[in-house]
Amino acid sequence: MATSIRLSRGGSKKRPYYKIVVADSRSPRDGRFIERIGSYNPLLAKDNPERVKLDAERATHWLSVGAQPSDRVARFLDAAGIKERAARNNPNKAVPGEKAKERAEEKASKLAEAEEAAKAAAAAPAEEAPVEEAPAEEAPAEEVTAESDATGSVKTEETAEAVADAVADEVPADATAEDATAIAEEVAEGGPVAAEGEEAPAEDAGEEKAEG
């Protein structure tokens, strides 16, 4: 008959209490057992000596006749120094499941998208910077306009002075104020007075030809 040293649950709902028993490996967990060799109360603190009670002598006896302890009982025996528990190696236990892997992939993709968006936002102001410097390049055009305005005003002043000199030359000494005004207007409009003066020799030349 194959025997095992295992826990048999007792107590009430959410308040478990376990007995450490030697039982037939084919018996149910809380069924018949051969001998009770200890108890385990998980509700007590870990440093409480009443948490695990174990009869070391009977445990050693049953181990000597081939009883196999369960994983939890093997921990108790190792802590009591009765039987050393071999370290387990289950590398697949730490491997995440499929859903955990999917969640990790989604999180990584979101982080990558966030980093790309941050880089794009950081690069956008750098590209727009030359556009802001454009008004500085247009400044010479404004200076040229200002210079042209200044030159135009100078030329206007020179033209006004030339018109005044021309009016002074055209107005006779015995002319009235009305005649002076009329001559000034004619000079400003294009100089009809000067034009009549230029056409006079042509008329004299015509009269000379007629007399000849």
N, C-alpha and C. Protein backbone atom coordinates (compact mmCIF):
# COMPACT_ATOMS: atom_id res chain seq x y z
N MET A 1 0.85 -1.19 0.00
CA MET A 1 0.00 0.00 0.00
C MET A 1 0.90 1.25 0.00
N ALA A 2 0.65 2.14 -0.95
CA ALA A 2 1.42 3.38 -1.03
C ALA A 2 0.85 4.38 -0.05
N THR A 3 1.71 4.87 0.83
CA THR A 3 1.26 5.86 1.82
C THR A 3 1.87 7.22 1.52
N SER A 4 1.21 8.25 2.01
CA SER A 4 1.68 9.63 1.82
C SER A 4 1.44 10.42 3.08
N ILE A 5 2.26 11.40 3.31
CA ILE A 5 2.09 12.33 4.43
C ILE A 5 1.58 13.64 3.84
N ARG A 6 0.38 14.02 4.20
CA ARG A 6 -0.25 15.18 3.57
C ARG A 6 -1.13 15.92 4.56
N LEU A 7 -1.78 16.98 4.06
CA LEU A 7 -2.67 17.80 4.88
C LEU A 7 -4.11 17.38 4.67
N SER A 8 -4.87 17.39 5.75
CA SER A 8 -6.31 17.12 5.69
C SER A 8 -7.02 18.35 6.25
N ARG A 9 -7.88 18.94 5.41
CA ARG A 9 -8.49 20.23 5.79
C ARG A 9 -9.63 20.04 6.79
N GLY A 10 -9.67 21.00 7.72
CA GLY A 10 -10.76 21.08 8.68
C GLY A 10 -11.13 22.54 8.86
N GLY A 11 -11.83 22.85 9.93
CA GLY A 11 -12.23 24.22 10.19
C GLY A 11 -13.50 24.61 9.45
N SER A 12 -13.74 25.92 9.33
CA SER A 12 -14.94 26.44 8.68
C SER A 12 -14.56 27.25 7.44
N LYS A 13 -15.58 27.84 6.83
CA LYS A 13 -15.36 28.63 5.61
C LYS A 13 -14.48 29.84 5.93
N LYS A 14 -13.43 30.00 5.12
CA LYS A 14 -12.48 31.10 5.25
C LYS A 14 -11.69 31.06 6.57
N ARG A 15 -11.81 30.00 7.31
CA ARG A 15 -11.02 29.82 8.53
C ARG A 15 -10.51 28.37 8.55
N PRO A 16 -9.53 28.09 7.67
CA PRO A 16 -9.08 26.70 7.54
C PRO A 16 -8.19 26.27 8.71
N TYR A 17 -8.18 24.97 8.89
CA TYR A 17 -7.31 24.35 9.88
C TYR A 17 -6.94 22.98 9.32
N TYR A 18 -5.65 22.68 9.31
CA TYR A 18 -5.20 21.44 8.66
C TYR A 18 -4.57 20.48 9.67
N LYS A 19 -4.79 19.20 9.41
CA LYS A 19 -4.14 18.13 10.18
C LYS A 19 -3.08 17.47 9.28
N ILE A 20 -1.93 17.20 9.83
CA ILE A 20 -0.89 16.49 9.10
C ILE A 20 -1.10 15.00 9.38
N VAL A 21 -1.43 14.27 8.33
CA VAL A 21 -1.81 12.86 8.52
C VAL A 21 -1.02 11.96 7.58
N VAL A 22 -0.97 10.69 7.97
CA VAL A 22 -0.42 9.64 7.11
C VAL A 22 -1.63 8.86 6.60
N ALA A 23 -1.77 8.83 5.26
CA ALA A 23 -2.96 8.20 4.69
C ALA A 23 -2.58 7.44 3.44
N ASP A 24 -3.53 6.61 3.03
CA ASP A 24 -3.38 5.91 1.76
C ASP A 24 -3.45 6.95 0.63
N SER A 25 -2.53 6.84 -0.31
CA SER A 25 -2.50 7.82 -1.41
C SER A 25 -3.77 7.78 -2.27
N ARG A 26 -4.54 6.69 -2.18
CA ARG A 26 -5.76 6.57 -2.96
C ARG A 26 -6.97 7.15 -2.23
N SER A 27 -6.83 7.48 -0.98
CA SER A 27 -7.95 8.02 -0.20
C SER A 27 -8.17 9.50 -0.56
N PRO A 28 -9.42 9.99 -0.38
CA PRO A 28 -9.66 11.42 -0.63
C PRO A 28 -8.92 12.30 0.37
N ARG A 29 -8.86 13.57 0.04
CA ARG A 29 -8.05 14.49 0.86
C ARG A 29 -8.53 14.53 2.29
N ASP A 30 -9.84 14.69 2.48
CA ASP A 30 -10.38 14.80 3.82
C ASP A 30 -11.01 13.47 4.29
N GLY A 31 -10.59 12.38 3.64
CA GLY A 31 -11.18 11.07 3.99
C GLY A 31 -10.42 10.39 5.12
N ARG A 32 -10.46 9.06 5.07
CA ARG A 32 -9.84 8.25 6.12
C ARG A 32 -8.31 8.40 6.09
N PHE A 33 -7.68 8.33 7.23
CA PHE A 33 -6.22 8.40 7.33
C PHE A 33 -5.75 7.35 8.31
N ILE A 34 -4.46 7.05 8.27
CA ILE A 34 -3.88 6.00 9.11
C ILE A 34 -3.47 6.56 10.46
N GLU A 35 -2.80 7.71 10.44
CA GLU A 35 -2.31 8.29 11.70
C GLU A 35 -2.17 9.80 11.52
N ARG A 36 -2.45 10.50 12.59
CA ARG A 36 -2.24 11.96 12.62
C ARG A 36 -0.93 12.23 13.35
N ILE A 37 -0.03 12.99 12.67
CA ILE A 37 1.29 13.25 13.26
C ILE A 37 1.54 14.73 13.51
N GLY A 38 0.57 15.60 13.24
CA GLY A 38 0.77 17.02 13.47
C GLY A 38 -0.42 17.84 13.03
N SER A 39 -0.23 19.19 13.09
CA SER A 39 -1.28 20.13 12.68
C SER A 39 -0.65 21.39 12.09
N TYR A 40 -1.49 22.10 11.33
CA TYR A 40 -1.02 23.33 10.67
C TYR A 40 -2.17 24.34 10.69
N ASN A 41 -1.91 25.52 11.30
CA ASN A 41 -2.92 26.59 11.39
C ASN A 41 -2.39 27.82 10.64
N PRO A 42 -2.84 28.04 9.40
CA PRO A 42 -2.32 29.16 8.62
C PRO A 42 -2.79 30.52 9.10
N LEU A 43 -3.77 30.56 10.02
CA LEU A 43 -4.27 31.85 10.52
C LEU A 43 -3.34 32.47 11.55
N LEU A 44 -2.43 31.69 12.08
CA LEU A 44 -1.47 32.21 13.05
C LEU A 44 -0.28 32.84 12.34
N ALA A 45 0.45 33.67 13.07
CA ALA A 45 1.62 34.34 12.51
C ALA A 45 2.72 33.32 12.23
N LYS A 46 3.59 33.65 11.30
CA LYS A 46 4.64 32.71 10.89
C LYS A 46 5.65 32.45 12.00
N ASP A 47 5.82 33.42 12.90
CA ASP A 47 6.77 33.22 13.98
C ASP A 47 6.13 32.58 15.22
N ASN A 48 4.86 32.22 15.10
CA ASN A 48 4.17 31.59 16.22
C ASN A 48 4.51 30.10 16.24
N PRO A 49 4.98 29.58 17.36
CA PRO A 49 5.35 28.15 17.42
C PRO A 49 4.14 27.22 17.28
N GLU A 50 2.92 27.73 17.52
CA GLU A 50 1.71 26.91 17.39
C GLU A 50 1.24 26.81 15.94
N ARG A 51 1.89 27.53 15.04
CA ARG A 51 1.46 27.51 13.63
C ARG A 51 1.62 26.12 13.04
N VAL A 52 2.78 25.49 13.27
CA VAL A 52 3.04 24.14 12.75
C VAL A 52 3.48 23.26 13.93
N LYS A 53 2.75 22.20 14.15
CA LYS A 53 3.12 21.19 15.17
C LYS A 53 3.35 19.87 14.45
N LEU A 54 4.48 19.26 14.74
CA LEU A 54 4.86 18.04 14.01
C LEU A 54 5.59 17.07 14.96
N ASP A 55 5.14 15.82 14.90
CA ASP A 55 5.81 14.78 15.70
C ASP A 55 6.99 14.27 14.86
N ALA A 56 8.20 14.72 15.18
CA ALA A 56 9.38 14.39 14.39
C ALA A 56 9.68 12.90 14.40
N GLU A 57 9.47 12.25 15.54
CA GLU A 57 9.78 10.83 15.62
C GLU A 57 8.88 10.00 14.70
N ARG A 58 7.57 10.25 14.72
CA ARG A 58 6.65 9.49 13.88
C ARG A 58 6.84 9.84 12.41
N ALA A 59 7.19 11.08 12.13
CA ALA A 59 7.43 11.47 10.74
C ALA A 59 8.64 10.73 10.20
N THR A 60 9.69 10.62 11.03
CA THR A 60 10.88 9.90 10.60
C THR A 60 10.56 8.41 10.36
N HIS A 61 9.73 7.86 11.21
CA HIS A 61 9.34 6.45 11.05
C HIS A 61 8.62 6.22 9.72
N TRP A 62 7.65 7.04 9.44
CA TRP A 62 6.88 6.84 8.20
C TRP A 62 7.73 7.12 6.96
N LEU A 63 8.63 8.02 7.08
CA LEU A 63 9.54 8.26 5.94
C LEU A 63 10.43 7.04 5.72
N SER A 64 10.81 6.39 6.81
CA SER A 64 11.70 5.23 6.68
C SER A 64 11.00 4.03 6.04
N VAL A 65 9.68 3.97 6.15
CA VAL A 65 8.95 2.86 5.55
C VAL A 65 8.41 3.20 4.15
N GLY A 66 8.80 4.38 3.61
CA GLY A 66 8.48 4.71 2.23
C GLY A 66 7.33 5.67 2.01
N ALA A 67 6.85 6.33 3.07
CA ALA A 67 5.78 7.33 2.88
C ALA A 67 6.34 8.55 2.15
N GLN A 68 5.56 9.07 1.21
CA GLN A 68 5.99 10.23 0.41
C GLN A 68 5.26 11.49 0.87
N PRO A 69 6.00 12.49 1.33
CA PRO A 69 5.34 13.72 1.78
C PRO A 69 4.87 14.58 0.60
N SER A 70 3.81 15.32 0.81
CA SER A 70 3.36 16.30 -0.19
C SER A 70 4.31 17.50 -0.17
N ASP A 71 4.12 18.39 -1.12
CA ASP A 71 5.04 19.54 -1.22
C ASP A 71 4.99 20.40 0.03
N ARG A 72 3.80 20.67 0.53
CA ARG A 72 3.69 21.51 1.72
C ARG A 72 4.29 20.82 2.95
N VAL A 73 4.01 19.54 3.12
CA VAL A 73 4.57 18.81 4.26
C VAL A 73 6.09 18.71 4.12
N ALA A 74 6.59 18.58 2.89
CA ALA A 74 8.04 18.53 2.68
C ALA A 74 8.69 19.83 3.14
N ARG A 75 7.99 20.94 2.97
CA ARG A 75 8.52 22.21 3.48
C ARG A 75 8.61 22.19 5.00
N PHE A 76 7.57 21.64 5.63
CA PHE A 76 7.59 21.56 7.09
C PHE A 76 8.73 20.65 7.59
N LEU A 77 8.91 19.53 6.91
CA LEU A 77 9.98 18.60 7.30
C LEU A 77 11.36 19.22 7.10
N ASP A 78 11.50 20.01 6.01
CA ASP A 78 12.78 20.68 5.77
C ASP A 78 13.04 21.72 6.85
N ALA A 79 12.01 22.47 7.24
CA ALA A 79 12.18 23.48 8.29
C ALA A 79 12.50 22.84 9.63
N ALA A 80 11.95 21.65 9.86
CA ALA A 80 12.23 20.96 11.13
C ALA A 80 13.55 20.20 11.10
N GLY A 81 14.19 20.10 9.95
CA GLY A 81 15.46 19.41 9.85
C GLY A 81 15.34 17.91 9.78
N ILE A 82 14.16 17.43 9.41
CA ILE A 82 13.95 15.98 9.34
C ILE A 82 14.34 15.43 7.97
N LYS A 83 13.94 16.11 6.92
CA LYS A 83 14.27 15.68 5.56
C LYS A 83 14.51 16.91 4.69
N GLU A 84 15.65 16.87 4.01
CA GLU A 84 16.00 18.02 3.16
C GLU A 84 15.12 18.00 1.89
N ARG A 85 14.61 19.17 1.56
CA ARG A 85 13.75 19.31 0.37
C ARG A 85 14.59 19.76 -0.81
N ALA A 86 14.51 19.00 -1.89
CA ALA A 86 15.27 19.37 -3.09
C ALA A 86 14.67 20.62 -3.73
N ALA A 87 15.55 21.48 -4.18
CA ALA A 87 15.08 22.72 -4.82
C ALA A 87 14.44 22.38 -6.16
N ARG A 88 13.35 23.05 -6.42
CA ARG A 88 12.63 22.82 -7.66
C ARG A 88 13.08 23.84 -8.71
N ASN A 89 13.03 23.40 -9.96
CA ASN A 89 13.39 24.29 -11.06
C ASN A 89 12.31 24.19 -12.13
N ASN A 90 11.50 25.23 -12.20
CA ASN A 90 10.41 25.29 -13.18
C ASN A 90 10.53 26.58 -13.98
N PRO A 91 11.35 26.56 -15.02
CA PRO A 91 11.56 27.82 -15.76
C PRO A 91 10.32 28.33 -16.47
N ASN A 92 9.39 27.44 -16.81
CA ASN A 92 8.18 27.88 -17.50
C ASN A 92 7.18 28.56 -16.58
N LYS A 93 7.39 28.43 -15.27
CA LYS A 93 6.45 29.04 -14.34
C LYS A 93 6.47 30.56 -14.43
N ALA A 94 7.64 31.12 -14.68
CA ALA A 94 7.76 32.58 -14.76
C ALA A 94 7.40 33.14 -16.12
N VAL A 95 7.19 32.27 -17.10
CA VAL A 95 6.86 32.75 -18.44
C VAL A 95 5.43 33.26 -18.44
N PRO A 96 5.18 34.50 -18.90
CA PRO A 96 3.81 35.03 -18.91
C PRO A 96 2.92 34.30 -19.90
N GLY A 97 1.61 34.33 -19.67
CA GLY A 97 0.66 33.69 -20.56
C GLY A 97 0.45 34.48 -21.85
N GLU A 98 -0.45 33.96 -22.70
CA GLU A 98 -0.69 34.61 -23.99
C GLU A 98 -1.32 35.99 -23.80
N LYS A 99 -2.30 36.10 -22.90
CA LYS A 99 -2.94 37.39 -22.68
C LYS A 99 -1.96 38.41 -22.10
N ALA A 100 -1.10 37.93 -21.20
CA ALA A 100 -0.10 38.84 -20.63
C ALA A 100 0.86 39.32 -21.71
N LYS A 101 1.23 38.42 -22.62
CA LYS A 101 2.10 38.82 -23.72
C LYS A 101 1.42 39.84 -24.64
N GLU A 102 0.12 39.62 -24.91
CA GLU A 102 -0.62 40.57 -25.75
C GLU A 102 -0.68 41.95 -25.08
N ARG A 103 -0.93 41.96 -23.76
CA ARG A 103 -0.97 43.24 -23.06
C ARG A 103 0.39 43.92 -23.09
N ALA A 104 1.46 43.14 -22.95
CA ALA A 104 2.81 43.72 -22.98
C ALA A 104 3.11 44.29 -24.37
N GLU A 105 2.69 43.58 -25.44
CA GLU A 105 2.91 44.08 -26.80
C GLU A 105 2.14 45.37 -27.05
N GLU A 106 0.87 45.41 -26.60
CA GLU A 106 0.07 46.63 -26.76
C GLU A 106 0.70 47.81 -26.02
N LYS A 107 1.18 47.55 -24.81
CA LYS A 107 1.81 48.61 -24.04
C LYS A 107 3.08 49.11 -24.73
N ALA A 108 3.87 48.18 -25.28
CA ALA A 108 5.10 48.57 -25.97
C ALA A 108 4.78 49.39 -27.21
N SER A 109 3.74 48.99 -27.97
CA SER A 109 3.37 49.73 -29.17
C SER A 109 2.88 51.14 -28.83
N LYS A 110 2.11 51.27 -27.74
CA LYS A 110 1.64 52.59 -27.32
C LYS A 110 2.80 53.47 -26.90
N LEU A 111 3.77 52.89 -26.20
CA LEU A 111 4.94 53.67 -25.80
C LEU A 111 5.73 54.14 -27.02
N ALA A 112 5.86 53.24 -28.03
CA ALA A 112 6.59 53.62 -29.24
C ALA A 112 5.86 54.74 -29.97
N GLU A 113 4.53 54.66 -30.07
CA GLU A 113 3.76 55.72 -30.73
C GLU A 113 3.89 57.04 -29.98
N ALA A 114 3.87 56.98 -28.65
CA ALA A 114 4.01 58.20 -27.86
C ALA A 114 5.39 58.83 -28.07
N GLU A 115 6.43 58.00 -28.16
CA GLU A 115 7.78 58.54 -28.39
C GLU A 115 7.88 59.17 -29.77
N GLU A 116 7.28 58.54 -30.79
CA GLU A 116 7.31 59.11 -32.14
C GLU A 116 6.56 60.44 -32.17
N ALA A 117 5.40 60.50 -31.50
CA ALA A 117 4.64 61.75 -31.47
C ALA A 117 5.44 62.85 -30.77
N ALA A 118 6.14 62.50 -29.70
CA ALA A 118 6.95 63.50 -28.99
C ALA A 118 8.09 64.00 -29.86
N LYS A 119 8.73 63.09 -30.62
CA LYS A 119 9.80 63.51 -31.52
C LYS A 119 9.28 64.41 -32.63
N ALA A 120 8.10 64.06 -33.19
CA ALA A 120 7.52 64.88 -34.24
C ALA A 120 7.16 66.27 -33.71
N ALA A 121 6.62 66.33 -32.49
CA ALA A 121 6.28 67.62 -31.90
C ALA A 121 7.53 68.45 -31.64
N ALA A 122 8.62 67.79 -31.26
CA ALA A 122 9.87 68.52 -31.01
C ALA A 122 10.50 69.00 -32.32
N ALA A 123 10.33 68.25 -33.41
CA ALA A 123 10.91 68.63 -34.69
C ALA A 123 10.11 69.72 -35.39
N ALA A 124 8.82 69.82 -35.13
CA ALA A 124 7.96 70.80 -35.80
C ALA A 124 8.40 72.24 -35.52
N PRO A 125 8.63 72.67 -34.28
CA PRO A 125 9.08 74.06 -34.04
C PRO A 125 10.42 74.36 -34.70
N ALA A 126 11.31 73.36 -34.79
CA ALA A 126 12.61 73.59 -35.42
C ALA A 126 12.45 73.90 -36.91
N GLU A 127 11.49 73.24 -37.59
CA GLU A 127 11.25 73.50 -39.00
C GLU A 127 10.56 74.84 -39.23
N GLU A 128 9.72 75.28 -38.30
CA GLU A 128 9.00 76.53 -38.45
C GLU A 128 9.86 77.73 -38.07
N ALA A 129 11.00 77.53 -37.46
CA ALA A 129 11.83 78.65 -37.03
C ALA A 129 12.26 79.55 -38.19
N PRO A 130 12.72 79.03 -39.38
CA PRO A 130 13.10 79.92 -40.47
C PRO A 130 11.95 80.80 -40.95
N VAL A 131 10.71 80.34 -40.85
CA VAL A 131 9.56 81.13 -41.28
C VAL A 131 9.45 82.38 -40.41
N GLU A 132 9.77 82.25 -39.13
CA GLU A 132 9.70 83.39 -38.24
C GLU A 132 10.81 84.39 -38.54
N GLU A 133 11.94 83.94 -39.14
CA GLU A 133 13.04 84.83 -39.45
C GLU A 133 12.84 85.58 -40.77
N ALA A 134 11.77 85.25 -41.53
CA ALA A 134 11.53 85.87 -42.83
C ALA A 134 11.38 87.39 -42.73
N PRO A 135 10.66 87.95 -41.72
CA PRO A 135 10.55 89.41 -41.64
C PRO A 135 11.89 90.11 -41.55
N ALA A 136 12.92 89.44 -40.97
CA ALA A 136 14.24 90.06 -40.89
C ALA A 136 14.84 90.25 -42.28
N GLU A 137 14.54 89.30 -43.22
CA GLU A 137 15.05 89.43 -44.59
C GLU A 137 14.32 90.53 -45.36
N GLU A 138 13.07 90.83 -44.99
CA GLU A 138 12.30 91.85 -45.68
C GLU A 138 12.66 93.25 -45.20
N ALA A 139 13.42 93.31 -44.13
CA ALA A 139 13.78 94.63 -43.60
C ALA A 139 14.50 95.50 -44.62
N PRO A 140 15.44 94.99 -45.45
CA PRO A 140 16.08 95.86 -46.45
C PRO A 140 15.08 96.47 -47.42
N ALA A 141 14.02 95.74 -47.77
CA ALA A 141 13.02 96.30 -48.67
C ALA A 141 12.37 97.52 -48.04
N GLU A 142 12.10 97.44 -46.73
CA GLU A 142 11.53 98.59 -46.06
C GLU A 142 12.51 99.75 -46.05
N GLU A 143 13.82 99.43 -45.88
CA GLU A 143 14.82 100.48 -45.91
C GLU A 143 14.89 101.13 -47.29
N VAL A 144 14.79 100.28 -48.35
CA VAL A 144 14.82 100.83 -49.71
C VAL A 144 13.63 101.75 -49.94
N THR A 145 12.46 101.34 -49.43
CA THR A 145 11.26 102.17 -49.58
C THR A 145 11.44 103.49 -48.86
N ALA A 146 12.03 103.42 -47.65
CA ALA A 146 12.26 104.65 -46.91
C ALA A 146 13.24 105.56 -47.65
N GLU A 147 14.31 104.94 -48.23
CA GLU A 147 15.28 105.74 -48.99
C GLU A 147 14.63 106.37 -50.22
N SER A 148 13.75 105.57 -50.90
CA SER A 148 13.10 106.11 -52.10
C SER A 148 12.18 107.26 -51.73
N ASP A 149 11.49 107.14 -50.58
CA ASP A 149 10.62 108.23 -50.14
C ASP A 149 11.46 109.46 -49.83
N ALA A 150 12.59 109.22 -49.16
CA ALA A 150 13.45 110.37 -48.84
C ALA A 150 13.98 111.01 -50.11
N THR A 151 14.38 110.17 -51.10
CA THR A 151 14.89 110.70 -52.39
C THR A 151 13.81 111.45 -53.13
N GLY A 152 12.57 110.88 -53.07
CA GLY A 152 11.46 111.54 -53.77
C GLY A 152 11.17 112.89 -53.17
N SER A 153 11.24 112.96 -51.84
CA SER A 153 10.98 114.25 -51.20
C SER A 153 12.06 115.26 -51.58
N VAL A 154 13.31 114.77 -51.68
CA VAL A 154 14.40 115.68 -52.07
C VAL A 154 14.18 116.18 -53.49
N LYS A 155 13.80 115.23 -54.40
CA LYS A 155 13.55 115.63 -55.78
C LYS A 155 12.39 116.60 -55.88
N THR A 156 11.36 116.39 -55.06
CA THR A 156 10.21 117.29 -55.07
C THR A 156 10.63 118.68 -54.66
N GLU A 157 11.50 118.73 -53.62
CA GLU A 157 11.98 120.05 -53.18
C GLU A 157 12.80 120.73 -54.28
N GLU A 158 13.64 119.92 -54.97
CA GLU A 158 14.43 120.49 -56.05
C GLU A 158 13.54 120.99 -57.19
N THR A 159 12.49 120.23 -57.51
CA THR A 159 11.56 120.64 -58.57
C THR A 159 10.86 121.92 -58.19
N ALA A 160 10.44 122.01 -56.92
CA ALA A 160 9.76 123.23 -56.48
C ALA A 160 10.69 124.44 -56.61
N GLU A 161 11.96 124.24 -56.23
CA GLU A 161 12.90 125.34 -56.35
C GLU A 161 13.10 125.74 -57.82
N ALA A 162 13.17 124.70 -58.71
CA ALA A 162 13.34 125.00 -60.14
C ALA A 162 12.15 125.76 -60.69
N VAL A 163 10.94 125.40 -60.27
CA VAL A 163 9.72 126.10 -60.73
C VAL A 163 9.74 127.53 -60.24
N ALA A 164 10.17 127.72 -58.99
CA ALA A 164 10.21 129.08 -58.45
C ALA A 164 11.20 129.94 -59.24
N ASP A 165 12.36 129.36 -59.59
CA ASP A 165 13.34 130.12 -60.37
C ASP A 165 12.78 130.45 -61.76
N ALA A 166 12.09 129.44 -62.35
CA ALA A 166 11.52 129.67 -63.69
C ALA A 166 10.46 130.75 -63.66
N VAL A 167 9.64 130.76 -62.63
CA VAL A 167 8.60 131.79 -62.51
C VAL A 167 9.24 133.16 -62.34
N ALA A 168 10.32 133.22 -61.54
CA ALA A 168 10.99 134.51 -61.33
C ALA A 168 11.58 135.05 -62.64
N ASP A 169 12.08 134.12 -63.50
CA ASP A 169 12.64 134.56 -64.78
C ASP A 169 11.56 135.00 -65.76
N GLU A 170 10.37 134.38 -65.72
CA GLU A 170 9.32 134.65 -66.70
C GLU A 170 8.50 135.88 -66.35
N VAL A 171 8.36 136.17 -65.06
CA VAL A 171 7.50 137.31 -64.67
C VAL A 171 8.23 138.62 -64.96
N PRO A 172 7.63 139.53 -65.75
CA PRO A 172 8.25 140.85 -66.02
C PRO A 172 8.25 141.71 -64.77
N ALA A 173 9.06 142.73 -64.81
CA ALA A 173 9.17 143.60 -63.64
C ALA A 173 7.90 144.38 -63.41
N ASP A 174 7.16 144.77 -64.49
CA ASP A 174 5.95 145.57 -64.34
C ASP A 174 4.68 144.74 -64.34
N ALA A 175 4.78 143.37 -64.14
CA ALA A 175 3.60 142.50 -64.17
C ALA A 175 2.84 142.65 -62.86
N THR A 176 1.52 142.48 -62.97
CA THR A 176 0.66 142.54 -61.77
C THR A 176 0.69 141.20 -61.06
N ALA A 177 0.04 141.19 -59.90
CA ALA A 177 -0.01 139.95 -59.10
C ALA A 177 -0.77 138.86 -59.84
N GLU A 178 -1.86 139.23 -60.56
CA GLU A 178 -2.64 138.23 -61.30
C GLU A 178 -1.82 137.64 -62.44
N ASP A 179 -1.04 138.49 -63.13
CA ASP A 179 -0.19 137.98 -64.21
C ASP A 179 0.86 137.02 -63.66
N ALA A 180 1.45 137.34 -62.51
CA ALA A 180 2.47 136.47 -61.90
C ALA A 180 1.89 135.12 -61.54
N THR A 181 0.65 135.14 -61.02
CA THR A 181 0.01 133.87 -60.65
C THR A 181 -0.24 133.02 -61.88
N ALA A 182 -0.73 133.63 -62.96
CA ALA A 182 -1.02 132.89 -64.19
C ALA A 182 0.24 132.30 -64.78
N ILE A 183 1.32 133.07 -64.75
CA ILE A 183 2.59 132.57 -65.29
C ILE A 183 3.10 131.40 -64.46
N ALA A 184 2.95 131.46 -63.13
CA ALA A 184 3.40 130.37 -62.25
C ALA A 184 2.63 129.10 -62.54
N GLU A 185 1.28 129.22 -62.77
CA GLU A 185 0.48 128.04 -63.09
C GLU A 185 0.90 127.43 -64.41
N GLU A 186 1.18 128.27 -65.41
CA GLU A 186 1.60 127.75 -66.72
C GLU A 186 2.95 127.04 -66.62
N VAL A 187 3.84 127.61 -65.84
CA VAL A 187 5.16 126.97 -65.68
C VAL A 187 5.03 125.64 -64.98
N ALA A 188 4.16 125.55 -63.94
CA ALA A 188 3.97 124.30 -63.21
C ALA A 188 3.34 123.23 -64.07
N GLU A 189 2.42 123.63 -65.02
CA GLU A 189 1.75 122.67 -65.89
C GLU A 189 2.63 122.16 -67.03
N GLY A 190 3.65 122.77 -67.35
CA GLY A 190 4.50 122.24 -68.43
C GLY A 190 5.22 123.31 -69.21
N GLY A 191 5.01 124.54 -68.84
CA GLY A 191 5.76 125.63 -69.46
C GLY A 191 5.24 126.07 -70.80
N PRO A 192 3.93 126.44 -70.93
CA PRO A 192 3.45 126.97 -72.22
C PRO A 192 4.14 128.28 -72.60
N VAL A 193 4.51 129.04 -71.55
CA VAL A 193 5.17 130.33 -71.85
C VAL A 193 6.46 130.08 -72.58
N ALA A 194 7.25 129.08 -72.07
CA ALA A 194 8.51 128.77 -72.72
C ALA A 194 8.28 128.25 -74.11
N ALA A 195 7.16 127.47 -74.30
CA ALA A 195 6.86 126.92 -75.63
C ALA A 195 6.58 128.01 -76.61
N GLU A 196 5.82 129.07 -76.20
CA GLU A 196 5.55 130.18 -77.10
C GLU A 196 6.83 130.90 -77.47
N GLY A 197 7.75 131.01 -76.50
CA GLY A 197 9.02 131.68 -76.78
C GLY A 197 9.81 130.91 -77.80
N GLU A 198 9.72 129.53 -77.75
CA GLU A 198 10.50 128.74 -78.70
C GLU A 198 9.90 128.80 -80.10
N GLU A 199 8.53 128.93 -80.20
CA GLU A 199 7.90 128.96 -81.52
C GLU A 199 8.01 130.33 -82.19
N ALA A 200 8.35 131.35 -81.47
CA ALA A 200 8.43 132.70 -82.05
C ALA A 200 9.44 132.79 -83.18
N PRO A 201 10.62 132.25 -83.07
CA PRO A 201 11.58 132.35 -84.20
C PRO A 201 11.04 131.69 -85.46
N ALA A 202 10.24 130.59 -85.30
CA ALA A 202 9.69 129.93 -86.48
C ALA A 202 8.75 130.85 -87.22
N GLU A 203 7.92 131.65 -86.47
CA GLU A 203 7.00 132.57 -87.12
C GLU A 203 7.78 133.68 -87.84
N ASP A 204 8.84 134.22 -87.21
CA ASP A 204 9.66 135.25 -87.84
C ASP A 204 10.27 134.74 -89.11
N ALA A 205 10.70 133.45 -89.10
CA ALA A 205 11.30 132.89 -90.29
C ALA A 205 10.28 132.80 -91.40
N GLY A 206 9.01 132.50 -91.09
CA GLY A 206 7.94 132.45 -92.11
C GLY A 206 7.66 133.79 -92.72
N GLU A 207 7.69 134.85 -91.90
CA GLU A 207 7.46 136.20 -92.41
C GLU A 207 8.59 136.63 -93.34
N GLU A 208 9.85 136.25 -92.99
CA GLU A 208 10.97 136.61 -93.85
C GLU A 208 10.86 135.96 -95.20
N LYS A 209 10.38 134.65 -95.21
CA LYS A 209 10.22 133.97 -96.49
C LYS A 209 9.14 134.65 -97.33
N ALA A 210 8.06 135.13 -96.70
CA ALA A 210 6.99 135.78 -97.44
C ALA A 210 7.47 137.08 -98.05
N GLU A 211 8.24 137.83 -97.30
CA GLU A 211 8.74 139.09 -97.83
C GLU A 211 9.72 138.86 -98.96
N GLY A 212 10.47 137.79 -98.86
CA GLY A 212 11.44 137.49 -99.91
C GLY A 212 10.73 137.12 -101.17
